[in-house]
Amino acid sequence: MGLAQAQLAGPLSTATDPDVARAQALPPERYPRLIEIAKAAAKLGADREFRAGLDIVMAGLSPG
């Protein structure tokens, strides 16, 4: 899903991204984690965002 988003619209790393703005406008009592992630994504550069995602994938593939 992230690859498709990056191909179509670029990374979610800018504060002006409409997806980030929509996530930040959600009701905080219902979606606190999604809002937190959107705020973090707005602060990251594309390179840092990619590396953080890759670290998560690699940790999931680690045998132990």
PDB file of N, CA and C in Angstrom:
ATOM      1  N   MET A   1       0.819  -1.180   0.000  1.00  0.00           N
ATOM      2  CA  MET A   1       0.000   0.000   0.000  1.00  0.00           C
ATOM      3  C   MET A   1       0.871   1.255   0.000  1.00  0.00           C
ATOM      4  N   GLY A   2       1.943   1.226   0.792  1.00  0.00           N
ATOM      5  CA  GLY A   2       2.846   2.360   0.833  1.00  0.00           C
ATOM      6  C   GLY A   2       3.512   2.604  -0.503  1.00  0.00           C
ATOM      7  N   LEU A   3       3.891   1.520  -1.194  1.00  0.00           N
ATOM      8  CA  LEU A   3       4.495   1.663  -2.516  1.00  0.00           C
ATOM      9  C   LEU A   3       3.522   2.305  -3.494  1.00  0.00           C
ATOM     10  N   ALA A   4       2.275   1.873  -3.481  1.00  0.00           N
ATOM     11  CA  ALA A   4       1.280   2.451  -4.382  1.00  0.00           C
ATOM     12  C   ALA A   4       1.070   3.927  -4.069  1.00  0.00           C
ATOM     13  N   GLN A   5       1.014   4.282  -2.800  1.00  0.00           N
ATOM     14  CA  GLN A   5       0.836   5.679  -2.415  1.00  0.00           C
ATOM     15  C   GLN A   5       2.026   6.507  -2.878  1.00  0.00           C
ATOM     16  N   ALA A   6       3.233   5.982  -2.686  1.00  0.00           N
ATOM     17  CA  ALA A   6       4.424   6.710  -3.089  1.00  0.00           C
ATOM     18  C   ALA A   6       4.484   6.881  -4.605  1.00  0.00           C
ATOM     19  N   GLN A   7       4.055   5.874  -5.343  1.00  0.00           N
ATOM     20  CA  GLN A   7       4.067   5.957  -6.793  1.00  0.00           C
ATOM     21  C   GLN A   7       3.056   6.976  -7.302  1.00  0.00           C
ATOM     22  N   LEU A   8       1.904   7.051  -6.670  1.00  0.00           N
ATOM     23  CA  LEU A   8       0.840   7.928  -7.137  1.00  0.00           C
ATOM     24  C   LEU A   8       0.968   9.355  -6.632  1.00  0.00           C
ATOM     25  N   ALA A   9       1.379   9.518  -5.387  1.00  0.00           N
ATOM     26  CA  ALA A   9       1.334  10.855  -4.796  1.00  0.00           C
ATOM     27  C   ALA A   9       2.607  11.258  -4.070  1.00  0.00           C
ATOM     28  N   GLY A  10       3.588  10.390  -3.994  1.00  0.00           N
ATOM     29  CA  GLY A  10       4.809  10.708  -3.269  1.00  0.00           C
ATOM     30  C   GLY A  10       4.673  10.313  -1.803  1.00  0.00           C
ATOM     31  N   PRO A  11       5.754  10.416  -1.049  1.00  0.00           N
ATOM     32  CA  PRO A  11       5.713  10.012   0.362  1.00  0.00           C
ATOM     33  C   PRO A  11       4.849  10.928   1.207  1.00  0.00           C
ATOM     34  N   LEU A  12       4.408  10.412   2.327  1.00  0.00           N
ATOM     35  CA  LEU A  12       3.576  11.192   3.267  1.00  0.00           C
ATOM     36  C   LEU A  12       4.458  12.014   4.193  1.00  0.00           C
ATOM     37  N   SER A  13       5.350  12.767   3.644  1.00  0.00           N
ATOM     38  CA  SER A  13       6.329  13.422   4.502  1.00  0.00           C
ATOM     39  C   SER A  13       6.226  14.935   4.517  1.00  0.00           C
ATOM     40  N   THR A  14       5.189  15.499   3.950  1.00  0.00           N
ATOM     41  CA  THR A  14       5.086  16.951   3.968  1.00  0.00           C
ATOM     42  C   THR A  14       3.843  17.385   4.719  1.00  0.00           C
ATOM     43  N   ALA A  15       3.965  18.493   5.379  1.00  0.00           N
ATOM     44  CA  ALA A  15       2.835  19.007   6.155  1.00  0.00           C
ATOM     45  C   ALA A  15       1.690  19.449   5.254  1.00  0.00           C
ATOM     46  N   THR A  16       1.967  19.707   3.983  1.00  0.00           N
ATOM     47  CA  THR A  16       0.917  20.150   3.064  1.00  0.00           C
ATOM     48  C   THR A  16       0.213  18.986   2.381  1.00  0.00           C
ATOM     49  N   ASP A  17       0.625  17.775   2.657  1.00  0.00           N
ATOM     50  CA  ASP A  17       0.007  16.598   2.044  1.00  0.00           C
ATOM     51  C   ASP A  17      -1.449  16.516   2.492  1.00  0.00           C
ATOM     52  N   PRO A  18      -2.390  16.382   1.549  1.00  0.00           N
ATOM     53  CA  PRO A  18      -3.803  16.337   1.936  1.00  0.00           C
ATOM     54  C   PRO A  18      -4.156  15.130   2.805  1.00  0.00           C
ATOM     55  N   ASP A  19      -3.457  14.007   2.633  1.00  0.00           N
ATOM     56  CA  ASP A  19      -3.735  12.840   3.473  1.00  0.00           C
ATOM     57  C   ASP A  19      -3.327  13.100   4.922  1.00  0.00           C
ATOM     58  N   VAL A  20      -2.207  13.777   5.118  1.00  0.00           N
ATOM     59  CA  VAL A  20      -1.763  14.122   6.472  1.00  0.00           C
ATOM     60  C   VAL A  20      -2.761  15.085   7.101  1.00  0.00           C
ATOM     61  N   ALA A  21      -3.186  16.094   6.350  1.00  0.00           N
ATOM     62  CA  ALA A  21      -4.151  17.064   6.872  1.00  0.00           C
ATOM     63  C   ALA A  21      -5.471  16.386   7.237  1.00  0.00           C
ATOM     64  N   ARG A  22      -5.929  15.462   6.398  1.00  0.00           N
ATOM     65  CA  ARG A  22      -7.181  14.741   6.708  1.00  0.00           C
ATOM     66  C   ARG A  22      -7.035  13.916   7.976  1.00  0.00           C
ATOM     67  N   ALA A  23      -5.898  13.232   8.117  1.00  0.00           N
ATOM     68  CA  ALA A  23      -5.694  12.414   9.312  1.00  0.00           C
ATOM     69  C   ALA A  23      -5.657  13.286  10.563  1.00  0.00           C
ATOM     70  N   GLN A  24      -5.009  14.440  10.469  1.00  0.00           N
ATOM     71  CA  GLN A  24      -4.920  15.324  11.632  1.00  0.00           C
ATOM     72  C   GLN A  24      -6.266  15.945  11.984  1.00  0.00           C
ATOM     73  N   ALA A  25      -7.206  15.968  11.056  1.00  0.00           N
ATOM     74  CA  ALA A  25      -8.526  16.549  11.306  1.00  0.00           C
ATOM     75  C   ALA A  25      -9.515  15.536  11.878  1.00  0.00           C
ATOM     76  N   LEU A  26      -9.102  14.282  11.999  1.00  0.00           N
ATOM     77  CA  LEU A  26      -9.995  13.253  12.554  1.00  0.00           C
ATOM     78  C   LEU A  26     -10.260  13.511  14.038  1.00  0.00           C
ATOM     79  N   PRO A  27     -11.359  12.960  14.569  1.00  0.00           N
ATOM     80  CA  PRO A  27     -11.641  13.127  16.005  1.00  0.00           C
ATOM     81  C   PRO A  27     -10.551  12.449  16.851  1.00  0.00           C
ATOM     82  N   PRO A  28      -9.835  13.204  17.678  1.00  0.00           N
ATOM     83  CA  PRO A  28      -8.726  12.627  18.438  1.00  0.00           C
ATOM     84  C   PRO A  28      -9.145  11.552  19.443  1.00  0.00           C
ATOM     85  N   GLU A  29     -10.356  11.628  19.938  1.00  0.00           N
ATOM     86  CA  GLU A  29     -10.784  10.601  20.895  1.00  0.00           C
ATOM     87  C   GLU A  29     -11.026   9.248  20.210  1.00  0.00           C
ATOM     88  N   ARG A  30     -11.265   9.265  18.926  1.00  0.00           N
ATOM     89  CA  ARG A  30     -11.525   8.019  18.196  1.00  0.00           C
ATOM     90  C   ARG A  30     -10.283   7.494  17.479  1.00  0.00           C
ATOM     91  N   TYR A  31      -9.414   8.383  17.009  1.00  0.00           N
ATOM     92  CA  TYR A  31      -8.253   7.979  16.210  1.00  0.00           C
ATOM     93  C   TYR A  31      -6.947   8.577  16.745  1.00  0.00           C
ATOM     94  N   PRO A  32      -6.634   8.408  18.009  1.00  0.00           N
ATOM     95  CA  PRO A  32      -5.440   9.064  18.549  1.00  0.00           C
ATOM     96  C   PRO A  32      -4.140   8.579  17.913  1.00  0.00           C
ATOM     97  N   ARG A  33      -4.030   7.310  17.621  1.00  0.00           N
ATOM     98  CA  ARG A  33      -2.789   6.770  17.044  1.00  0.00           C
ATOM     99  C   ARG A  33      -2.600   7.212  15.598  1.00  0.00           C
ATOM    100  N   LEU A  34      -3.664   7.218  14.823  1.00  0.00           N
ATOM    101  CA  LEU A  34      -3.570   7.644  13.433  1.00  0.00           C
ATOM    102  C   LEU A  34      -3.141   9.109  13.346  1.00  0.00           C
ATOM    103  N   ILE A  35      -3.667   9.934  14.221  1.00  0.00           N
ATOM    104  CA  ILE A  35      -3.295  11.345  14.256  1.00  0.00           C
ATOM    105  C   ILE A  35      -1.830  11.485  14.658  1.00  0.00           C
ATOM    106  N   GLU A  36      -1.403  10.695  15.630  1.00  0.00           N
ATOM    107  CA  GLU A  36      -0.006  10.721  16.073  1.00  0.00           C
ATOM    108  C   GLU A  36       0.934  10.335  14.921  1.00  0.00           C
ATOM    109  N   ILE A  37       0.570   9.305  14.169  1.00  0.00           N
ATOM    110  CA  ILE A  37       1.383   8.862  13.037  1.00  0.00           C
ATOM    111  C   ILE A  37       1.428   9.941  11.955  1.00  0.00           C
ATOM    112  N   ALA A  38       0.300  10.576  11.683  1.00  0.00           N
ATOM    113  CA  ALA A  38       0.262  11.629  10.656  1.00  0.00           C
ATOM    114  C   ALA A  38       1.159  12.797  11.046  1.00  0.00           C
ATOM    115  N   LYS A  39       1.162  13.165  12.323  1.00  0.00           N
ATOM    116  CA  LYS A  39       2.027  14.255  12.776  1.00  0.00           C
ATOM    117  C   LYS A  39       3.496  13.877  12.631  1.00  0.00           C
ATOM    118  N   ALA A  40       3.821  12.632  12.956  1.00  0.00           N
ATOM    119  CA  ALA A  40       5.206  12.176  12.806  1.00  0.00           C
ATOM    120  C   ALA A  40       5.610  12.143  11.340  1.00  0.00           C
ATOM    121  N   ALA A  41       4.720  11.698  10.473  1.00  0.00           N
ATOM    122  CA  ALA A  41       5.019  11.642   9.041  1.00  0.00           C
ATOM    123  C   ALA A  41       5.255  13.026   8.470  1.00  0.00           C
ATOM    124  N   ALA A  42       4.548  14.015   8.973  1.00  0.00           N
ATOM    125  CA  ALA A  42       4.710  15.380   8.473  1.00  0.00           C
ATOM    126  C   ALA A  42       6.087  15.947   8.825  1.00  0.00           C
ATOM    127  N   LYS A  43       6.706  15.422   9.870  1.00  0.00           N
ATOM    128  CA  LYS A  43       8.007  15.918  10.309  1.00  0.00           C
ATOM    129  C   LYS A  43       9.182  15.201   9.641  1.00  0.00           C
ATOM    130  N   LEU A  44       8.945  14.019   9.094  1.00  0.00           N
ATOM    131  CA  LEU A  44      10.017  13.246   8.482  1.00  0.00           C
ATOM    132  C   LEU A  44      10.284  13.689   7.056  1.00  0.00           C
ATOM    133  N   GLY A  45      11.503  13.539   6.633  1.00  0.00           N
ATOM    134  CA  GLY A  45      11.822  13.683   5.220  1.00  0.00           C
ATOM    135  C   GLY A  45      11.563  12.342   4.542  1.00  0.00           C
ATOM    136  N   ALA A  46      11.517  12.341   3.235  1.00  0.00           N
ATOM    137  CA  ALA A  46      11.234  11.108   2.496  1.00  0.00           C
ATOM    138  C   ALA A  46      12.255  10.027   2.797  1.00  0.00           C
ATOM    139  N   ASP A  47      13.533  10.389   2.910  1.00  0.00           N
ATOM    140  CA  ASP A  47      14.580   9.407   3.178  1.00  0.00           C
ATOM    141  C   ASP A  47      14.405   8.777   4.550  1.00  0.00           C
ATOM    142  N   ARG A  48      14.155   9.598   5.558  1.00  0.00           N
ATOM    143  CA  ARG A  48      13.963   9.072   6.919  1.00  0.00           C
ATOM    144  C   ARG A  48      12.701   8.234   7.010  1.00  0.00           C
ATOM    145  N   GLU A  49      11.648   8.645   6.305  1.00  0.00           N
ATOM    146  CA  GLU A  49      10.403   7.883   6.302  1.00  0.00           C
ATOM    147  C   GLU A  49      10.632   6.501   5.699  1.00  0.00           C
ATOM    148  N   PHE A  50      11.358   6.453   4.577  1.00  0.00           N
ATOM    149  CA  PHE A  50      11.648   5.177   3.933  1.00  0.00           C
ATOM    150  C   PHE A  50      12.469   4.279   4.842  1.00  0.00           C
ATOM    151  N   ARG A  51      13.523   4.840   5.430  1.00  0.00           N
ATOM    152  CA  ARG A  51      14.392   4.034   6.296  1.00  0.00           C
ATOM    153  C   ARG A  51      13.655   3.515   7.528  1.00  0.00           C
ATOM    154  N   ALA A  52      12.788   4.324   8.107  1.00  0.00           N
ATOM    155  CA  ALA A  52      12.009   3.871   9.267  1.00  0.00           C
ATOM    156  C   ALA A  52      11.081   2.731   8.878  1.00  0.00           C
ATOM    157  N   GLY A  53      10.431   2.835   7.718  1.00  0.00           N
ATOM    158  CA  GLY A  53       9.572   1.758   7.252  1.00  0.00           C
ATOM    159  C   GLY A  53      10.353   0.495   6.955  1.00  0.00           C
ATOM    160  N   LEU A  54      11.530   0.657   6.346  1.00  0.00           N
ATOM    161  CA  LEU A  54      12.370  -0.501   6.048  1.00  0.00           C
ATOM    162  C   LEU A  54      12.830  -1.178   7.329  1.00  0.00           C
ATOM    163  N   ASP A  55      13.173  -0.390   8.353  1.00  0.00           N
ATOM    164  CA  ASP A  55      13.565  -0.972   9.649  1.00  0.00           C
ATOM    165  C   ASP A  55      12.436  -1.809  10.233  1.00  0.00           C
ATOM    166  N   ILE A  56      11.212  -1.344  10.106  1.00  0.00           N
ATOM    167  CA  ILE A  56      10.057  -2.093  10.627  1.00  0.00           C
ATOM    168  C   ILE A  56       9.893  -3.416   9.879  1.00  0.00           C
ATOM    169  N   VAL A  57      10.018  -3.358   8.554  1.00  0.00           N
ATOM    170  CA  VAL A  57       9.891  -4.577   7.748  1.00  0.00           C
ATOM    171  C   VAL A  57      10.992  -5.564   8.100  1.00  0.00           C
ATOM    172  N   MET A  58      12.225  -5.078   8.210  1.00  0.00           N
ATOM    173  CA  MET A  58      13.346  -5.957   8.512  1.00  0.00           C
ATOM    174  C   MET A  58      13.211  -6.572   9.909  1.00  0.00           C
ATOM    175  N   ALA A  59      12.729  -5.804  10.864  1.00  0.00           N
ATOM    176  CA  ALA A  59      12.511  -6.341  12.211  1.00  0.00           C
ATOM    177  C   ALA A  59      11.455  -7.438  12.181  1.00  0.00           C
ATOM    178  N   GLY A  60      10.431  -7.276  11.356  1.00  0.00           N
ATOM    179  CA  GLY A  60       9.399  -8.310  11.233  1.00  0.00           C
ATOM    180  C   GLY A  60       9.900  -9.570  10.579  1.00  0.00           C
ATOM    181  N   LEU A  61      10.899  -9.467   9.734  1.00  0.00           N
ATOM    182  CA  LEU A  61      11.454 -10.625   9.048  1.00  0.00           C
ATOM    183  C   LEU A  61      12.545 -11.314   9.850  1.00  0.00           C
ATOM    184  N   SER A  62      13.038 -10.654  10.888  1.00  0.00           N
ATOM    185  CA  SER A  62      14.109 -11.197  11.704  1.00  0.00           C
ATOM    186  C   SER A  62      13.650 -12.470  12.415  1.00  0.00           C
ATOM    187  N   PRO A  63      14.476 -13.529  12.418  1.00  0.00           N
ATOM    188  CA  PRO A  63      14.058 -14.799  13.021  1.00  0.00           C
ATOM    189  C   PRO A  63      14.013 -14.777  14.552  1.00  0.00           C
ATOM    190  N   GLY A  64      14.484 -13.745  15.170  1.00  0.00           N
ATOM    191  CA  GLY A  64      14.451 -13.919  16.576  1.00  0.00           C
ATOM    192  C   GLY A  64      14.412 -12.834  17.481  1.00  0.00           C
TER     193      GLY A  64
END
